[in-house]
C-alpha atoms as a PDB file:
ATOM      1  CA  MET A   1     -92.516  62.753 -56.179  1.00  0.00           C
ATOM      2  CA  SER A   2     -95.578  61.344 -56.434  1.00  0.00           C
ATOM      3  CA  LEU A   3     -96.750  58.469 -57.530  1.00  0.00           C
ATOM      4  CA  ASP A   4     -99.104  60.400 -60.477  1.00  0.00           C
ATOM      5  CA  ASP A   5     -96.232  62.600 -61.749  1.00  0.00           C
ATOM      6  CA  LEU A   6     -94.345  59.512 -62.247  1.00  0.00           C
ATOM      7  CA  TYR A   7     -97.145  58.569 -64.117  1.00  0.00           C
ATOM      8  CA  GLN A   8     -97.180  61.321 -66.671  1.00  0.00           C
ATOM      9  CA  GLU A   9     -93.164  61.725 -66.149  1.00  0.00           C
ATOM     10  CA  VAL A  10     -92.793  58.938 -68.069  1.00  0.00           C
ATOM     11  CA  ILE A  11     -96.210  59.152 -70.487  1.00  0.00           C
ATOM     12  CA  LEU A  12     -94.611  62.468 -71.168  1.00  0.00           C
ATOM     13  CA  ASP A  13     -90.856  60.212 -71.757  1.00  0.00           C
ATOM     14  CA  HIS A  14     -92.666  57.810 -74.640  1.00  0.00           C
ATOM     15  CA  ASN A  15     -94.662  60.719 -76.172  1.00  0.00           C
ATOM     16  CA  LYS A  16     -91.675  62.469 -76.923  1.00  0.00           C
ATOM     17  CA  ARG A  17     -89.511  59.422 -77.456  1.00  0.00           C
ATOM     18  CA  PRO A  18     -91.228  56.758 -78.774  1.00  0.00           C
ATOM     19  CA  ARG A  19     -89.425  53.315 -78.686  1.00  0.00           C
ATOM     20  CA  ASN A  20     -89.555  50.704 -82.072  1.00  0.00           C
ATOM     21  CA  TYR A  21     -90.885  53.615 -84.029  1.00  0.00           C
ATOM     22  CA  GLY A  22     -91.134  54.060 -87.140  1.00  0.00           C
ATOM     23  CA  PRO A  23     -91.235  51.456 -90.316  1.00  0.00           C
ATOM     24  CA  LEU A  24     -90.368  47.749 -90.408  1.00  0.00           C
ATOM     25  CA  ALA A  25     -89.955  46.023 -94.008  1.00  0.00           C
ATOM     26  CA  ASP A  26     -91.088  41.684 -94.422  1.00  0.00           C
ATOM     27  CA  ALA A  27     -94.322  42.706 -91.579  1.00  0.00           C
ATOM     28  CA  ILE A  28     -97.974  42.525 -91.110  1.00  0.00           C
ATOM     29  CA  GLU A  29     -98.590  45.483 -91.309  1.00  0.00           C
ATOM     30  CA  ALA A  30    -102.167  47.047 -89.633  1.00  0.00           C
ATOM     31  CA  HIS A  31    -103.652  50.017 -89.486  1.00  0.00           C
ATOM     32  CA  GLY A  32    -106.037  51.460 -86.464  1.00  0.00           C
ATOM     33  CA  HIS A  33    -107.891  54.761 -86.659  1.00  0.00           C
ATOM     34  CA  ASN A  34    -110.031  56.576 -83.127  1.00  0.00           C
ATOM     35  CA  PRO A  35    -111.796  58.721 -84.862  1.00  0.00           C
ATOM     36  CA  LEU A  36    -113.220  60.527 -81.663  1.00  0.00           C
ATOM     37  CA  CYS A  37    -110.506  62.619 -81.804  1.00  0.00           C
ATOM     38  CA  GLY A  38    -108.494  61.667 -84.567  1.00  0.00           C
ATOM     39  CA  ASP A  39    -105.483  59.346 -83.784  1.00  0.00           C
ATOM     40  CA  ARG A  40    -104.105  57.092 -86.686  1.00  0.00           C
ATOM     41  CA  LEU A  41    -101.428  54.695 -85.922  1.00  0.00           C
ATOM     42  CA  THR A  42    -100.008  51.743 -88.590  1.00  0.00           C
ATOM     43  CA  LEU A  43     -98.534  49.478 -86.694  1.00  0.00           C
ATOM     44  CA  TYR A  44     -95.464  46.800 -88.141  1.00  0.00           C
ATOM     45  CA  VAL A  45     -95.108  43.017 -86.493  1.00  0.00           C
ATOM     46  CA  LYS A  46     -92.574  40.831 -87.846  1.00  0.00           C
ATOM     47  CA  VAL A  47     -93.987  37.427 -86.658  1.00  0.00           C
ATOM     48  CA  ALA A  48     -91.331  34.120 -85.911  1.00  0.00           C
ATOM     49  CA  ASP A  49     -91.993  30.866 -83.820  1.00  0.00           C
ATOM     50  CA  ASP A  50     -95.355  31.478 -83.080  1.00  0.00           C
ATOM     51  CA  ARG A  51     -93.781  34.571 -81.354  1.00  0.00           C
ATOM     52  CA  VAL A  52     -93.411  38.754 -81.402  1.00  0.00           C
ATOM     53  CA  ALA A  53     -90.149  39.221 -82.960  1.00  0.00           C
ATOM     54  CA  ASP A  54     -89.987  42.672 -84.261  1.00  0.00           C
ATOM     55  CA  ILE A  55     -92.787  45.214 -83.763  1.00  0.00           C
ATOM     56  CA  HIS A  56     -92.671  49.220 -84.832  1.00  0.00           C
ATOM     57  CA  PHE A  57     -95.658  51.445 -84.942  1.00  0.00           C
ATOM     58  CA  GLU A  58     -95.909  54.937 -86.905  1.00  0.00           C
ATOM     59  CA  GLY A  59     -98.817  57.502 -86.517  1.00  0.00           C
ATOM     60  CA  SER A  60     -99.977  60.851 -85.929  1.00  0.00           C
ATOM     61  CA  GLY A  61    -102.125  61.462 -82.433  1.00  0.00           C
ATOM     62  CA  CYS A  62    -102.160  61.985 -78.849  1.00  0.00           C
ATOM     63  CA  ALA A  63     -99.287  62.034 -76.276  1.00  0.00           C
ATOM     64  CA  ILE A  64    -101.724  58.546 -74.014  1.00  0.00           C
ATOM     65  CA  SER A  65    -102.346  57.072 -77.614  1.00  0.00           C
ATOM     66  CA  LYS A  66     -97.935  57.487 -79.012  1.00  0.00           C
ATOM     67  CA  ALA A  67     -97.007  56.077 -75.327  1.00  0.00           C
ATOM     68  CA  SER A  68     -99.003  53.223 -75.046  1.00  0.00           C
ATOM     69  CA  ALA A  69     -98.336  52.414 -78.521  1.00  0.00           C
ATOM     70  CA  SER A  70     -94.755  52.575 -77.371  1.00  0.00           C
ATOM     71  CA  LEU A  71     -94.934  50.757 -74.210  1.00  0.00           C
ATOM     72  CA  MET A  72     -97.198  47.918 -75.646  1.00  0.00           C
ATOM     73  CA  THR A  73     -94.414  47.971 -78.806  1.00  0.00           C
ATOM     74  CA  GLU A  74     -91.846  47.499 -75.829  1.00  0.00           C
ATOM     75  CA  ALA A  75     -94.239  44.684 -73.556  1.00  0.00           C
ATOM     76  CA  VAL A  76     -94.792  42.576 -76.293  1.00  0.00           C
ATOM     77  CA  LYS A  77     -91.910  42.282 -78.370  1.00  0.00           C
ATOM     78  CA  GLY A  78     -90.790  38.554 -77.927  1.00  0.00           C
ATOM     79  CA  LEU A  79     -94.434  37.364 -76.062  1.00  0.00           C
ATOM     80  CA  SER A  80     -96.255  34.420 -77.611  1.00  0.00           C
ATOM     81  CA  LEU A  81     -98.866  35.491 -79.721  1.00  0.00           C
ATOM     82  CA  ALA A  82    -101.147  34.039 -76.670  1.00  0.00           C
ATOM     83  CA  ASP A  83     -99.187  36.001 -74.784  1.00  0.00           C
ATOM     84  CA  ALA A  84     -99.553  38.816 -76.243  1.00  0.00           C
ATOM     85  CA  GLU A  85    -103.068  38.092 -76.530  1.00  0.00           C
ATOM     86  CA  ALA A  86    -103.382  37.309 -72.729  1.00  0.00           C
ATOM     87  CA  LEU A  87    -101.645  40.767 -72.499  1.00  0.00           C
ATOM     88  CA  PHE A  88    -103.955  42.742 -74.321  1.00  0.00           C
ATOM     89  CA  LYS A  89    -107.396  41.622 -72.257  1.00  0.00           C
ATOM     90  CA  ARG A  90    -105.214  42.046 -68.761  1.00  0.00           C
ATOM     91  CA  PHE A  91    -104.709  45.348 -70.335  1.00  0.00           C
ATOM     92  CA  GLN A  92    -108.418  46.282 -71.520  1.00  0.00           C
ATOM     93  CA  ASP A  93    -109.326  45.173 -67.677  1.00  0.00           C
ATOM     94  CA  MET A  94    -107.022  47.014 -66.089  1.00  0.00           C
ATOM     95  CA  ILE A  95    -108.372  50.509 -68.176  1.00  0.00           C
ATOM     96  CA  THR A  96    -111.461  49.679 -67.960  1.00  0.00           C
ATOM     97  CA  ARG A  97    -111.618  48.900 -64.597  1.00  0.00           C
ATOM     98  CA  PRO A  98    -114.323  51.388 -62.098  1.00  0.00           C
ATOM     99  CA  MET A  99    -112.596  53.240 -60.375  1.00  0.00           C
ATOM    100  CA  GLU A 100    -113.632  52.182 -56.687  1.00  0.00           C
ATOM    101  CA  GLN A 101    -112.000  48.921 -57.801  1.00  0.00           C
ATOM    102  CA  ASP A 102    -108.142  48.878 -56.969  1.00  0.00           C
ATOM    103  CA  LEU A 103    -105.052  47.835 -60.581  1.00  0.00           C
ATOM    104  CA  ASP A 104    -103.521  44.933 -60.505  1.00  0.00           C
ATOM    105  CA  GLU A 105    -100.442  46.437 -61.340  1.00  0.00           C
ATOM    106  CA  ALA A 106     -97.961  43.243 -61.217  1.00  0.00           C
ATOM    107  CA  ALA A 107    -100.332  41.665 -64.102  1.00  0.00           C
ATOM    108  CA  VAL A 108     -99.697  44.898 -66.432  1.00  0.00           C
ATOM    109  CA  GLY A 109     -96.261  46.065 -65.383  1.00  0.00           C
ATOM    110  CA  LYS A 110     -94.476  49.203 -66.679  1.00  0.00           C
ATOM    111  CA  LEU A 111     -98.305  49.256 -68.448  1.00  0.00           C
ATOM    112  CA  ALA A 112    -100.121  50.494 -64.366  1.00  0.00           C
ATOM    113  CA  VAL A 113     -98.549  54.220 -65.436  1.00  0.00           C
ATOM    114  CA  LEU A 114    -101.530  54.067 -67.735  1.00  0.00           C
ATOM    115  CA  GLY A 115    -103.925  52.502 -65.395  1.00  0.00           C
ATOM    116  CA  GLY A 116    -104.924  56.511 -64.865  1.00  0.00           C
ATOM    117  CA  VAL A 117    -106.907  56.338 -68.285  1.00  0.00           C
ATOM    118  CA  ARG A 118    -110.079  55.056 -66.071  1.00  0.00           C
ATOM    119  CA  GLN A 119    -110.730  58.738 -64.802  1.00  0.00           C
ATOM    120  CA  PHE A 120    -111.200  60.185 -68.161  1.00  0.00           C
ATOM    121  CA  PRO A 121    -113.082  57.053 -69.979  1.00  0.00           C
ATOM    122  CA  VAL A 122    -112.565  59.254 -73.666  1.00  0.00           C
ATOM    123  CA  ARG A 123    -108.952  58.907 -72.876  1.00  0.00           C
ATOM    124  CA  ILE A 124    -109.720  54.842 -72.934  1.00  0.00           C
ATOM    125  CA  LYS A 125    -109.817  54.971 -76.072  1.00  0.00           C
ATOM    126  CA  CYS A 126    -106.131  56.805 -76.306  1.00  0.00           C
ATOM    127  CA  ALA A 127    -104.745  54.084 -75.118  1.00  0.00           C
ATOM    128  CA  SER A 128    -106.312  51.031 -76.361  1.00  0.00           C
ATOM    129  CA  LEU A 129    -105.963  51.833 -80.175  1.00  0.00           C
ATOM    130  CA  ALA A 130    -102.413  50.767 -80.684  1.00  0.00           C
ATOM    131  CA  TRP A 131    -103.720  47.609 -79.053  1.00  0.00           C
ATOM    132  CA  HIS A 132    -106.986  47.057 -81.075  1.00  0.00           C
ATOM    133  CA  THR A 133    -104.511  47.162 -83.511  1.00  0.00           C
ATOM    134  CA  LEU A 134    -101.746  45.132 -82.318  1.00  0.00           C
ATOM    135  CA  ARG A 135    -104.631  42.602 -82.092  1.00  0.00           C
ATOM    136  CA  ALA A 136    -105.957  43.491 -85.601  1.00  0.00           C
ATOM    137  CA  ALA A 137    -102.236  42.158 -87.096  1.00  0.00           C
ATOM    138  CA  LEU A 138    -102.187  38.836 -85.010  1.00  0.00           C
ATOM    139  CA  ARG A 139    -104.978  38.521 -86.694  1.00  0.00           C
ATOM    140  CA  LYS A 140    -104.428  38.941 -89.824  1.00  0.00           C
ATOM    141  CA  GLU A 141    -107.854  41.220 -89.495  1.00  0.00           C
ATOM    142  CA  PRO A 142    -107.423  43.228 -92.871  1.00  0.00           C
ATOM    143  CA  VAL A 143    -109.809  46.165 -92.048  1.00  0.00           C
ATOM    144  CA  VAL A 144    -108.698  49.401 -90.115  1.00  0.00           C
ATOM    145  CA  ALA A 145    -108.525  48.577 -85.790  1.00  0.00           C
ATOM    146  CA  LYS A 146    -111.112  50.810 -83.954  1.00  0.00           C
ATOM    147  CA  THR A 147    -111.715  51.164 -80.246  1.00  0.00           C
ATOM    148  CA  GLU A 148    -115.035  50.642 -80.115  1.00  0.00           C
END
């Protein structure tokens, strides 16, 4: 199995069986929308002791959008708010890095499976929607998060 096949398999798995999917009571709620393709996301975040204590999402969108949200919830659960923000920045750097530059897979761990979206600029917004929504939730911004 090639690395590309493995990446595709992980993305398809998270799309078909998303982790942390569904509402979460008594949580900060944030909404995201990608107007280019219609992806919509609601993110539920519980913060305790300056950490992401729990996080869930629900919504509709493409496989990349849903897989990214699923992978993100696994990656940030338990992180401090500062570490979640730092991971947001590393993820954004990864998916917007020029193709001729190597990826630092160690900096993002399992999220590296989404690094291939760099080849398809319109898909970058699909992969980043959950992350922009997370940032809005943690900053308690009352607006619908967008990918711009």
